[in-house]
Amino acid sequence: GLRGGEIRFDKVTVGGTHTALMAAALAHGDTVIRNAACEPEVADLAACLTAMGARISGAGTPTIEVQGVTSLHGARHSV
C-alpha cells in the first residue's frame, strides 16, 4: 500500500497537488506536500476530503500536511 512521506514539487502544479492530496489521504502515515499549489480548487478538494474523513491541514498554503486514514466515507459537498 501507499506510505506517507515528503513530496516536494520543483514546480507548482494544481493537478499534481490534487493527486498527491488524494493519495496521501489514504496512505499509511503522515505526508507533507511542499511547494503545493495554493489555488482555491486545492483548498476545496481538501475540504471535500476532510468531510469524507481525511485529516488535512494547510490547504491553500505552500505546505500541506496530511495524516493518512484507513478509509474515507461519503459526504455532501458543494463546490
Foldseek 3Di string as FASTA:
>chain_A
DAAADEAEDPAEDQVVLLVCVVRQQAHAAKHKYAQYDLDPVQVLSVVQQVQFPWDWPDRNHRIIMTGYDNDGHDDDGDD
